[in-house]
PDB file of N, CA and C in Angstrom:
ATOM      1  N   UNK A   1       0.563  -0.917  -0.206  1.00  0.00           N
ATOM      2  CA  UNK A   1      -0.051   0.206  -0.058  1.00  0.00           C
ATOM      3  C   UNK A   1       0.609   1.199   0.131  1.00  0.00           C
ATOM      4  N   UNK A   2       0.598   2.415  -0.646  1.00  0.00           N
ATOM      5  CA  UNK A   2       1.631   3.448  -1.179  1.00  0.00           C
ATOM      6  C   UNK A   2       1.155   4.464   0.117  1.00  0.00           C
ATOM      7  N   UNK A   3       2.459   5.262   0.611  1.00  0.00           N
ATOM      8  CA  UNK A   3       2.123   6.089   1.617  1.00  0.00           C
ATOM      9  C   UNK A   3       1.589   7.090   1.036  1.00  0.00           C
ATOM     10  N   UNK A   4       0.525   7.871   1.698  1.00  0.00           N
ATOM     11  CA  UNK A   4      -0.184   9.378   1.267  1.00  0.00           C
ATOM     12  C   UNK A   4       0.782  10.191   0.713  1.00  0.00           C
ATOM     13  N   UNK A   5       0.828  11.310   0.342  1.00  0.00           N
ATOM     14  CA  UNK A   5       2.432  12.303   0.065  1.00  0.00           C
ATOM     15  C   UNK A   5       1.602  13.403   0.591  1.00  0.00           C
ATOM     16  N   UNK A   6       2.810  13.420   1.274  1.00  0.00           N
ATOM     17  CA  UNK A   6       3.247  14.362   2.212  1.00  0.00           C
ATOM     18  C   UNK A   6       3.813  15.743   1.868  1.00  0.00           C
ATOM     19  N   UNK A   7       3.310  16.743   2.354  1.00  0.00           N
ATOM     20  CA  UNK A   7       3.264  18.243   1.959  1.00  0.00           C
ATOM     21  C   UNK A   7       4.645  18.865   3.216  1.00  0.00           C
ATOM     22  N   UNK A   8       5.973  18.856   3.059  1.00  0.00           N
ATOM     23  CA  UNK A   8       6.298  19.861   3.991  1.00  0.00           C
ATOM     24  C   UNK A   8       6.410  21.016   3.999  1.00  0.00           C
ATOM     25  N   UNK A   9       6.656  21.760   5.326  1.00  0.00           N
ATOM     26  CA  UNK A   9       6.440  23.248   5.488  1.00  0.00           C
ATOM     27  C   UNK A   9       7.640  23.791   5.028  1.00  0.00           C
ATOM     28  N   UNK A  10       7.804  25.326   4.908  1.00  0.00           N
ATOM     29  CA  UNK A  10       8.766  26.115   4.340  1.00  0.00           C
ATOM     30  C   UNK A  10       9.843  26.316   5.423  1.00  0.00           C
ATOM     31  N   UNK A  11       9.527  25.858   6.907  1.00  0.00           N
ATOM     32  CA  UNK A  11       9.852  25.982   7.490  1.00  0.00           C
ATOM     33  C   UNK A  11      11.122  24.480   8.460  1.00  0.00           C
ATOM     34  N   UNK A  12      10.264  23.469   7.390  1.00  0.00           N
ATOM     35  CA  UNK A  12      10.870  21.788   7.982  1.00  0.00           C
ATOM     36  C   UNK A  12      11.941  22.421   6.553  1.00  0.00           C
ATOM     37  N   UNK A  13      11.513  22.396   5.440  1.00  0.00           N
ATOM     38  CA  UNK A  13      12.591  22.454   4.597  1.00  0.00           C
ATOM     39  C   UNK A  13      13.979  23.536   4.980  1.00  0.00           C
ATOM     40  N   UNK A  14      13.236  24.520   5.369  1.00  0.00           N
ATOM     41  CA  UNK A  14      14.645  25.060   6.189  1.00  0.00           C
ATOM     42  C   UNK A  14      15.361  24.591   6.814  1.00  0.00           C
ATOM     43  N   UNK A  15      14.861  24.047   8.043  1.00  0.00           N
ATOM     44  CA  UNK A  15      15.593  23.388   9.094  1.00  0.00           C
ATOM     45  C   UNK A  15      16.414  21.931   8.429  1.00  0.00           C
ATOM     46  N   UNK A  16      16.205  21.417   7.405  1.00  0.00           N
ATOM     47  CA  UNK A  16      16.526  20.254   6.842  1.00  0.00           C
ATOM     48  C   UNK A  16      17.826  20.759   5.763  1.00  0.00           C
ATOM     49  N   UNK A  17      17.075  21.937   5.249  1.00  0.00           N
ATOM     50  CA  UNK A  17      18.736  22.347   4.074  1.00  0.00           C
ATOM     51  C   UNK A  17      19.742  22.719   4.999  1.00  0.00           C
ATOM     52  N   UNK A  18      19.423  23.718   6.608  1.00  0.00           N
ATOM     53  CA  UNK A  18      20.488  24.217   6.864  1.00  0.00           C
ATOM     54  C   UNK A  18      21.063  23.081   7.648  1.00  0.00           C
ATOM     55  N   UNK A  19      20.292  21.880   8.224  1.00  0.00           N
ATOM     56  CA  UNK A  19      21.326  20.680   8.584  1.00  0.00           C
ATOM     57  C   UNK A  19      22.281  20.313   7.855  1.00  0.00           C
ATOM     58  N   UNK A  20      21.700  20.122   6.396  1.00  0.00           N
ATOM     59  CA  UNK A  20      22.829  19.446   5.343  1.00  0.00           C
ATOM     60  C   UNK A  20      23.846  20.386   5.295  1.00  0.00           C
ATOM     61  N   UNK A  21      23.697  21.780   5.248  1.00  0.00           N
ATOM     62  CA  UNK A  21      24.820  22.303   4.883  1.00  0.00           C
ATOM     63  C   UNK A  21      25.775  22.669   5.694  1.00  0.00           C
ATOM     64  N   UNK A  22      25.309  22.556   6.822  1.00  0.00           N
ATOM     65  CA  UNK A  22      26.247  22.153   8.212  1.00  0.00           C
ATOM     66  C   UNK A  22      27.083  21.257   7.820  1.00  0.00           C
ATOM     67  N   UNK A  23      27.346  20.137   7.286  1.00  0.00           N
ATOM     68  CA  UNK A  23      28.163  19.031   7.244  1.00  0.00           C
ATOM     69  C   UNK A  23      28.411  17.672   8.178  1.00  0.00           C
ATOM     70  N   UNK A  24      27.644  18.436   9.415  1.00  0.00           N
ATOM     71  CA  UNK A  24      27.705  17.460  10.683  1.00  0.00           C
ATOM     72  C   UNK A  24      27.544  16.100  10.304  1.00  0.00           C
ATOM     73  N   UNK A  25      26.206  15.435   9.476  1.00  0.00           N
ATOM     74  CA  UNK A  25      26.263  14.118   9.438  1.00  0.00           C
ATOM     75  C   UNK A  25      25.816  14.096   8.070  1.00  0.00           C
ATOM     76  N   UNK A  26      25.861  13.124   7.502  1.00  0.00           N
ATOM     77  CA  UNK A  26      25.952  12.365   6.424  1.00  0.00           C
ATOM     78  C   UNK A  26      24.126  12.577   5.600  1.00  0.00           C
ATOM     79  N   UNK A  27      24.252  12.675   4.455  1.00  0.00           N
ATOM     80  CA  UNK A  27      23.306  12.510   3.622  1.00  0.00           C
ATOM     81  C   UNK A  27      21.651  11.685   4.136  1.00  0.00           C
ATOM     82  N   UNK A  28      22.450  10.556   4.482  1.00  0.00           N
ATOM     83  CA  UNK A  28      21.417   9.427   4.815  1.00  0.00           C
ATOM     84  C   UNK A  28      21.261   9.276   6.398  1.00  0.00           C
ATOM     85  N   UNK A  29      22.329   9.450   6.979  1.00  0.00           N
ATOM     86  CA  UNK A  29      21.796   9.966   8.655  1.00  0.00           C
ATOM     87  C   UNK A  29      20.734  11.288   8.528  1.00  0.00           C
ATOM     88  N   UNK A  30      20.696  12.160   7.837  1.00  0.00           N
ATOM     89  CA  UNK A  30      19.594  13.431   8.023  1.00  0.00           C
ATOM     90  C   UNK A  30      18.359  12.176   7.301  1.00  0.00           C
ATOM     91  N   UNK A  31      18.562  11.919   6.189  1.00  0.00           N
ATOM     92  CA  UNK A  31      17.030  11.185   5.371  1.00  0.00           C
ATOM     93  C   UNK A  31      16.607  10.670   6.926  1.00  0.00           C
ATOM     94  N   UNK A  32      17.535   9.966   7.496  1.00  0.00           N
ATOM     95  CA  UNK A  32      16.744   8.694   8.692  1.00  0.00           C
ATOM     96  C   UNK A  32      16.097   9.685   9.774  1.00  0.00           C
ATOM     97  N   UNK A  33      17.022  10.978  10.077  1.00  0.00           N
ATOM     98  CA  UNK A  33      16.222  11.507  11.058  1.00  0.00           C
ATOM     99  C   UNK A  33      15.136  12.379  10.944  1.00  0.00           C
ATOM    100  N   UNK A  34      14.795  12.631   9.561  1.00  0.00           N
ATOM    101  CA  UNK A  34      14.029  13.846   9.256  1.00  0.00           C
ATOM    102  C   UNK A  34      12.969  12.582   8.218  1.00  0.00           C
ATOM    103  N   UNK A  35      13.127  11.450   7.897  1.00  0.00           N
ATOM    104  CA  UNK A  35      12.469  10.888   7.385  1.00  0.00           C
ATOM    105  C   UNK A  35      12.036  11.513   6.227  1.00  0.00           C
ATOM    106  N   UNK A  36      13.388  11.352   5.159  1.00  0.00           N
ATOM    107  CA  UNK A  36      13.147  12.275   3.945  1.00  0.00           C
ATOM    108  C   UNK A  36      14.217  11.825   2.986  1.00  0.00           C
ATOM    109  N   UNK A  37      13.551  11.144   1.956  1.00  0.00           N
ATOM    110  CA  UNK A  37      14.606  10.914   0.784  1.00  0.00           C
ATOM    111  C   UNK A  37      15.576  11.628   0.829  1.00  0.00           C
ATOM    112  N   UNK A  38      17.340  11.250   0.354  1.00  0.00           N
ATOM    113  CA  UNK A  38      18.248  12.018   0.705  1.00  0.00           C
ATOM    114  C   UNK A  38      18.508  12.685  -1.102  1.00  0.00           C
ATOM    115  N   UNK A  39      17.643  12.222  -2.281  1.00  0.00           N
ATOM    116  CA  UNK A  39      17.601  13.448  -3.111  1.00  0.00           C
ATOM    117  C   UNK A  39      16.776  14.520  -2.637  1.00  0.00           C
ATOM    118  N   UNK A  40      16.138  14.420  -1.736  1.00  0.00           N
ATOM    119  CA  UNK A  40      15.253  15.338  -1.698  1.00  0.00           C
ATOM    120  C   UNK A  40      15.973  16.686  -0.622  1.00  0.00           C
ATOM    121  N   UNK A  41      16.482  16.018   0.262  1.00  0.00           N
ATOM    122  CA  UNK A  41      17.732  16.808   0.894  1.00  0.00           C
ATOM    123  C   UNK A  41      18.359  17.831   0.493  1.00  0.00           C
ATOM    124  N   UNK A  42      19.263  17.037  -1.074  1.00  0.00           N
ATOM    125  CA  UNK A  42      19.820  17.707  -1.908  1.00  0.00           C
ATOM    126  C   UNK A  42      19.301  18.562  -2.943  1.00  0.00           C
ATOM    127  N   UNK A  43      17.960  18.520  -2.979  1.00  0.00           N
ATOM    128  CA  UNK A  43      17.253  19.737  -3.787  1.00  0.00           C
ATOM    129  C   UNK A  43      16.864  20.560  -2.829  1.00  0.00           C
ATOM    130  N   UNK A  44      16.798  20.696  -2.055  1.00  0.00           N
ATOM    131  CA  UNK A  44      16.400  21.540  -0.605  1.00  0.00           C
ATOM    132  C   UNK A  44      17.764  22.151  -0.195  1.00  0.00           C
ATOM    133  N   UNK A  45      18.458  21.975  -0.442  1.00  0.00           N
ATOM    134  CA  UNK A  45      20.271  22.563   0.049  1.00  0.00           C
ATOM    135  C   UNK A  45      20.045  23.106  -1.105  1.00  0.00           C
ATOM    136  N   UNK A  46      20.386  22.911  -2.333  1.00  0.00           N
ATOM    137  CA  UNK A  46      20.799  23.702  -3.706  1.00  0.00           C
ATOM    138  C   UNK A  46      19.896  24.614  -3.708  1.00  0.00           C
ATOM    139  N   UNK A  47      18.393  24.663  -3.832  1.00  0.00           N
ATOM    140  CA  UNK A  47      17.316  25.531  -3.485  1.00  0.00           C
ATOM    141  C   UNK A  47      17.731  26.630  -2.281  1.00  0.00           C
ATOM    142  N   UNK A  48      18.492  26.295  -1.143  1.00  0.00           N
ATOM    143  CA  UNK A  48      18.852  27.205  -0.449  1.00  0.00           C
ATOM    144  C   UNK A  48      19.872  27.979  -0.980  1.00  0.00           C
ATOM    145  N   UNK A  49      21.048  27.408  -1.414  1.00  0.00           N
ATOM    146  CA  UNK A  49      22.100  28.243  -1.823  1.00  0.00           C
ATOM    147  C   UNK A  49      21.831  28.886  -2.609  1.00  0.00           C
ATOM    148  N   UNK A  50      21.012  28.641  -3.975  1.00  0.00           N
ATOM    149  CA  UNK A  50      20.881  29.487  -5.077  1.00  0.00           C
ATOM    150  C   UNK A  50      20.381  30.726  -4.423  1.00  0.00           C
ATOM    151  N   UNK A  51      19.164  30.533  -3.512  1.00  0.00           N
ATOM    152  CA  UNK A  51      18.322  31.827  -3.047  1.00  0.00           C
ATOM    153  C   UNK A  51      18.756  32.592  -1.945  1.00  0.00           C
ATOM    154  N   UNK A  52      19.776  31.996  -1.306  1.00  0.00           N
ATOM    155  CA  UNK A  52      19.818  32.843  -0.090  1.00  0.00           C
ATOM    156  C   UNK A  52      20.168  34.214   0.394  1.00  0.00           C
ATOM    157  N   UNK A  53      20.645  34.536  -0.940  1.00  0.00           N
ATOM    158  CA  UNK A  53      20.506  36.152  -1.253  1.00  0.00           C
ATOM    159  C   UNK A  53      19.252  36.935  -1.472  1.00  0.00           C
ATOM    160  N   UNK A  54      18.211  36.171  -1.635  1.00  0.00           N
ATOM    161  CA  UNK A  54      17.182  36.945  -1.667  1.00  0.00           C
ATOM    162  C   UNK A  54      16.280  37.081  -0.169  1.00  0.00           C
ATOM    163  N   UNK A  55      17.142  36.396   0.859  1.00  0.00           N
ATOM    164  CA  UNK A  55      16.396  36.542   2.536  1.00  0.00           C
ATOM    165  C   UNK A  55      17.266  38.534   2.782  1.00  0.00           C
ATOM    166  N   UNK A  56      18.443  38.931   2.414  1.00  0.00           N
ATOM    167  CA  UNK A  56      19.062  39.879   2.663  1.00  0.00           C
ATOM    168  C   UNK A  56      18.812  41.181   1.554  1.00  0.00           C
ATOM    169  N   UNK A  57      17.966  40.818   0.633  1.00  0.00           N
ATOM    170  CA  UNK A  57      17.746  41.448  -0.132  1.00  0.00           C
ATOM    171  C   UNK A  57      16.600  42.714   0.344  1.00  0.00           C
ATOM    172  N   UNK A  58      16.823  43.686  -0.252  1.00  0.00           N
ATOM    173  CA  UNK A  58      15.851  44.981   0.262  1.00  0.00           C
ATOM    174  C   UNK A  58      14.511  45.049  -0.809  1.00  0.00           C
ATOM    175  N   UNK A  59      13.471  45.820   0.161  1.00  0.00           N
ATOM    176  CA  UNK A  59      12.131  45.802  -0.702  1.00  0.00           C
ATOM    177  C   UNK A  59      12.543  46.474  -2.276  1.00  0.00           C
ATOM    178  N   UNK A  60      13.594  47.381  -2.422  1.00  0.00           N
ATOM    179  CA  UNK A  60      13.565  47.886  -3.801  1.00  0.00           C
ATOM    180  C   UNK A  60      14.131  47.163  -4.367  1.00  0.00           C
ATOM    181  N   UNK A  61      15.436  46.281  -4.064  1.00  0.00           N
ATOM    182  CA  UNK A  61      15.757  44.903  -5.199  1.00  0.00           C
ATOM    183  C   UNK A  61      14.831  44.076  -5.234  1.00  0.00           C
ATOM    184  N   UNK A  62      13.523  43.673  -4.384  1.00  0.00           N
ATOM    185  CA  UNK A  62      12.647  42.576  -4.377  1.00  0.00           C
ATOM    186  C   UNK A  62      11.787  43.349  -5.794  1.00  0.00           C
ATOM    187  N   UNK A  63      11.799  44.628  -5.691  1.00  0.00           N
ATOM    188  CA  UNK A  63      10.905  45.117  -6.541  1.00  0.00           C
ATOM    189  C   UNK A  63      11.297  45.069  -8.337  1.00  0.00           C
ATOM    190  N   UNK A  64      12.372  45.031  -8.063  1.00  0.00           N
ATOM    191  CA  UNK A  64      13.155  45.139  -9.591  1.00  0.00           C
ATOM    192  C   UNK A  64      13.151  43.953 -10.005  1.00  0.00           C
ATOM    193  N   UNK A  65      13.698  42.745  -9.399  1.00  0.00           N
ATOM    194  CA  UNK A  65      13.843  41.750  -9.630  1.00  0.00           C
ATOM    195  C   UNK A  65      12.449  40.980 -10.521  1.00  0.00           C
ATOM    196  N   UNK A  66      10.857  41.624 -10.140  1.00  0.00           N
ATOM    197  CA  UNK A  66       9.889  41.051 -10.777  1.00  0.00           C
ATOM    198  C   UNK A  66       9.541  41.824 -11.751  1.00  0.00           C
ATOM    199  N   UNK A  67       8.882  41.153 -12.711  1.00  0.00           N
ATOM    200  CA  UNK A  67       8.680  41.791 -14.213  1.00  0.00           C
ATOM    201  C   UNK A  67       7.936  42.978 -14.100  1.00  0.00           C
ATOM    202  N   UNK A  68       8.108  43.732 -15.393  1.00  0.00           N
ATOM    203  CA  UNK A  68       7.362  45.377 -15.590  1.00  0.00           C
ATOM    204  C   UNK A  68       5.884  44.719 -16.054  1.00  0.00           C
ATOM    205  N   UNK A  69       5.213  45.506 -14.831  1.00  0.00           N
ATOM    206  CA  UNK A  69       3.632  45.220 -15.121  1.00  0.00           C
ATOM    207  C   UNK A  69       3.231  45.691 -16.453  1.00  0.00           C
ATOM    208  N   UNK A  70       4.128  47.305 -16.868  1.00  0.00           N
ATOM    209  CA  UNK A  70       3.356  47.613 -17.675  1.00  0.00           C
ATOM    210  C   UNK A  70       3.869  47.429 -19.221  1.00  0.00           C
ATOM    211  N   UNK A  71       4.951  47.084 -19.214  1.00  0.00           N
ATOM    212  CA  UNK A  71       5.150  46.381 -20.457  1.00  0.00           C
ATOM    213  C   UNK A  71       4.641  44.841 -20.717  1.00  0.00           C
ATOM    214  N   UNK A  72       4.046  43.982 -19.834  1.00  0.00           N
ATOM    215  CA  UNK A  72       3.702  43.033 -19.984  1.00  0.00           C
ATOM    216  C   UNK A  72       1.959  43.196 -20.584  1.00  0.00           C
ATOM    217  N   UNK A  73       1.319  43.884 -19.643  1.00  0.00           N
ATOM    218  CA  UNK A  73       0.492  44.297 -20.308  1.00  0.00           C
ATOM    219  C   UNK A  73       0.057  45.136 -21.714  1.00  0.00           C
ATOM    220  N   UNK A  74       1.136  45.693 -22.028  1.00  0.00           N
ATOM    221  CA  UNK A  74       1.048  46.567 -23.292  1.00  0.00           C
ATOM    222  C   UNK A  74       1.178  45.095 -24.565  1.00  0.00           C
ATOM    223  N   UNK A  75       1.882  44.096 -23.763  1.00  0.00           N
ATOM    224  CA  UNK A  75       2.507  42.913 -25.074  1.00  0.00           C
ATOM    225  C   UNK A  75       1.155  42.433 -24.916  1.00  0.00           C
ATOM    226  N   UNK A  76       0.441  42.366 -23.782  1.00  0.00           N
ATOM    227  CA  UNK A  76      -1.034  41.474 -24.349  1.00  0.00           C
ATOM    228  C   UNK A  76      -2.004  42.013 -24.867  1.00  0.00           C
ATOM    229  N   UNK A  77      -1.926  43.456 -24.478  1.00  0.00           N
ATOM    230  CA  UNK A  77      -2.847  44.040 -25.628  1.00  0.00           C
ATOM    231  C   UNK A  77      -2.248  44.403 -27.120  1.00  0.00           C
ATOM    232  N   UNK A  78      -1.206  44.184 -27.224  1.00  0.00           N
ATOM    233  CA  UNK A  78      -0.805  43.782 -28.835  1.00  0.00           C
ATOM    234  C   UNK A  78      -1.003  42.889 -29.273  1.00  0.00           C
ATOM    235  N   UNK A  79      -0.996  41.889 -28.414  1.00  0.00           N
ATOM    236  CA  UNK A  79      -1.258  40.163 -28.652  1.00  0.00           C
ATOM    237  C   UNK A  79      -3.074  40.104 -29.185  1.00  0.00           C
ATOM    238  N   UNK A  80      -3.611  40.546 -28.319  1.00  0.00           N
ATOM    239  CA  UNK A  80      -5.047  40.586 -28.261  1.00  0.00           C
ATOM    240  C   UNK A  80      -5.698  41.328 -29.723  1.00  0.00           C
ATOM    241  N   UNK A  81      -4.812  42.278 -29.828  1.00  0.00           N
ATOM    242  CA  UNK A  81      -5.426  43.076 -31.105  1.00  0.00           C
ATOM    243  C   UNK A  81      -4.804  42.610 -31.871  1.00  0.00           C
ATOM    244  N   UNK A  82      -3.648  41.827 -32.426  1.00  0.00           N
ATOM    245  CA  UNK A  82      -3.103  41.125 -33.311  1.00  0.00           C
ATOM    246  C   UNK A  82      -4.486  39.757 -33.854  1.00  0.00           C
ATOM    247  N   UNK A  83      -4.680  39.024 -32.248  1.00  0.00           N
ATOM    248  CA  UNK A  83      -5.902  38.078 -32.653  1.00  0.00           C
ATOM    249  C   UNK A  83      -6.847  38.224 -33.224  1.00  0.00           C
ATOM    250  N   UNK A  84      -7.304  39.468 -32.841  1.00  0.00           N
ATOM    251  CA  UNK A  84      -8.767  40.097 -33.329  1.00  0.00           C
ATOM    252  C   UNK A  84      -8.545  40.106 -34.714  1.00  0.00           C
ATOM    253  N   UNK A  85      -6.839  41.175 -35.532  1.00  0.00           N
ATOM    254  CA  UNK A  85      -7.204  41.516 -36.589  1.00  0.00           C
ATOM    255  C   UNK A  85      -7.378  39.764 -37.557  1.00  0.00           C
ATOM    256  N   UNK A  86      -6.260  38.773 -36.756  1.00  0.00           N
ATOM    257  CA  UNK A  86      -6.371  37.459 -37.581  1.00  0.00           C
ATOM    258  C   UNK A  86      -7.756  37.112 -37.852  1.00  0.00           C
ATOM    259  N   UNK A  87      -8.091  37.247 -36.729  1.00  0.00           N
ATOM    260  CA  UNK A  87      -9.433  36.256 -36.788  1.00  0.00           C
ATOM    261  C   UNK A  87     -10.539  36.922 -37.662  1.00  0.00           C
ATOM    262  N   UNK A  88     -10.777  38.042 -37.871  1.00  0.00           N
ATOM    263  CA  UNK A  88     -11.371  38.768 -38.969  1.00  0.00           C
ATOM    264  C   UNK A  88     -10.815  38.290 -40.291  1.00  0.00           C
ATOM    265  N   UNK A  89      -9.758  38.500 -40.634  1.00  0.00           N
ATOM    266  CA  UNK A  89      -9.040  38.176 -41.656  1.00  0.00           C
ATOM    267  C   UNK A  89      -9.186  36.747 -42.254  1.00  0.00           C
ATOM    268  N   UNK A  90      -9.295  36.107 -41.290  1.00  0.00           N
ATOM    269  CA  UNK A  90      -9.357  34.765 -41.919  1.00  0.00           C
ATOM    270  C   UNK A  90     -10.658  34.212 -41.801  1.00  0.00           C
ATOM    271  N   UNK A  91     -12.116  34.549 -41.161  1.00  0.00           N
ATOM    272  CA  UNK A  91     -13.301  35.005 -41.443  1.00  0.00           C
ATOM    273  C   UNK A  91     -13.603  35.805 -43.130  1.00  0.00           C
ATOM    274  N   UNK A  92     -12.591  36.569 -43.035  1.00  0.00           N
ATOM    275  CA  UNK A  92     -13.219  36.971 -44.768  1.00  0.00           C
ATOM    276  C   UNK A  92     -12.842  36.171 -45.972  1.00  0.00           C
ATOM    277  N   UNK A  93     -11.872  35.359 -45.063  1.00  0.00           N
ATOM    278  CA  UNK A  93     -11.625  34.040 -46.402  1.00  0.00           C
ATOM    279  C   UNK A  93     -12.554  33.180 -46.638  1.00  0.00           C
ATOM    280  N   UNK A  94     -13.075  32.763 -46.287  1.00  0.00           N
ATOM    281  CA  UNK A  94     -14.443  32.150 -46.548  1.00  0.00           C
ATOM    282  C   UNK A  94     -14.324  30.675 -46.437  1.00  0.00           C
ATOM    283  N   UNK A  95     -13.148  30.367 -45.642  1.00  0.00           N
ATOM    284  CA  UNK A  95     -12.802  28.706 -46.124  1.00  0.00           C
ATOM    285  C   UNK A  95     -12.971  27.979 -44.856  1.00  0.00           C
ATOM    286  N   UNK A  96     -13.904  27.346 -45.287  1.00  0.00           N
ATOM    287  CA  UNK A  96     -14.717  26.121 -44.037  1.00  0.00           C
ATOM    288  C   UNK A  96     -13.926  25.744 -43.130  1.00  0.00           C
ATOM    289  N   UNK A  97     -13.032  25.420 -43.431  1.00  0.00           N
ATOM    290  CA  UNK A  97     -11.846  24.610 -42.695  1.00  0.00           C
ATOM    291  C   UNK A  97     -10.701  25.555 -41.924  1.00  0.00           C
ATOM    292  N   UNK A  98     -10.822  26.870 -42.127  1.00  0.00           N
ATOM    293  CA  UNK A  98     -10.125  27.598 -41.414  1.00  0.00           C
ATOM    294  C   UNK A  98     -10.681  28.315 -40.326  1.00  0.00           C
ATOM    295  N   UNK A  99     -12.332  27.984 -40.054  1.00  0.00           N
ATOM    296  CA  UNK A  99     -12.722  28.771 -39.140  1.00  0.00           C
ATOM    297  C   UNK A  99     -13.102  27.934 -37.773  1.00  0.00           C
ATOM    298  N   UNK A 100     -12.350  26.789 -37.455  1.00  0.00           N
ATOM    299  CA  UNK A 100     -12.129  26.047 -36.102  1.00  0.00           C
ATOM    300  C   UNK A 100     -11.996  26.997 -35.291  1.00  0.00           C
TER     301      UNK A 100
END
């Protein structure tokens, strides 16, 4: 019988990843202690290493990292306009197979 899928909290993941980064215990020992597969611990450790700088980022730096909403909205508008134009042009051709 399969064990149900477990969802771990961010706090638990951070705790396990920090223990893995310390290097006091092997991955196998950590997996037995926390009852998590060693590959999962390795993934959490790698993610912590990659994203550790985000913890100390200022609010301004966090805003700059996100996408520019004005540019995205302009692109959405442009694509919607192109879709409308092409749908109209396709309707004028009168080909039944093109009206899908």
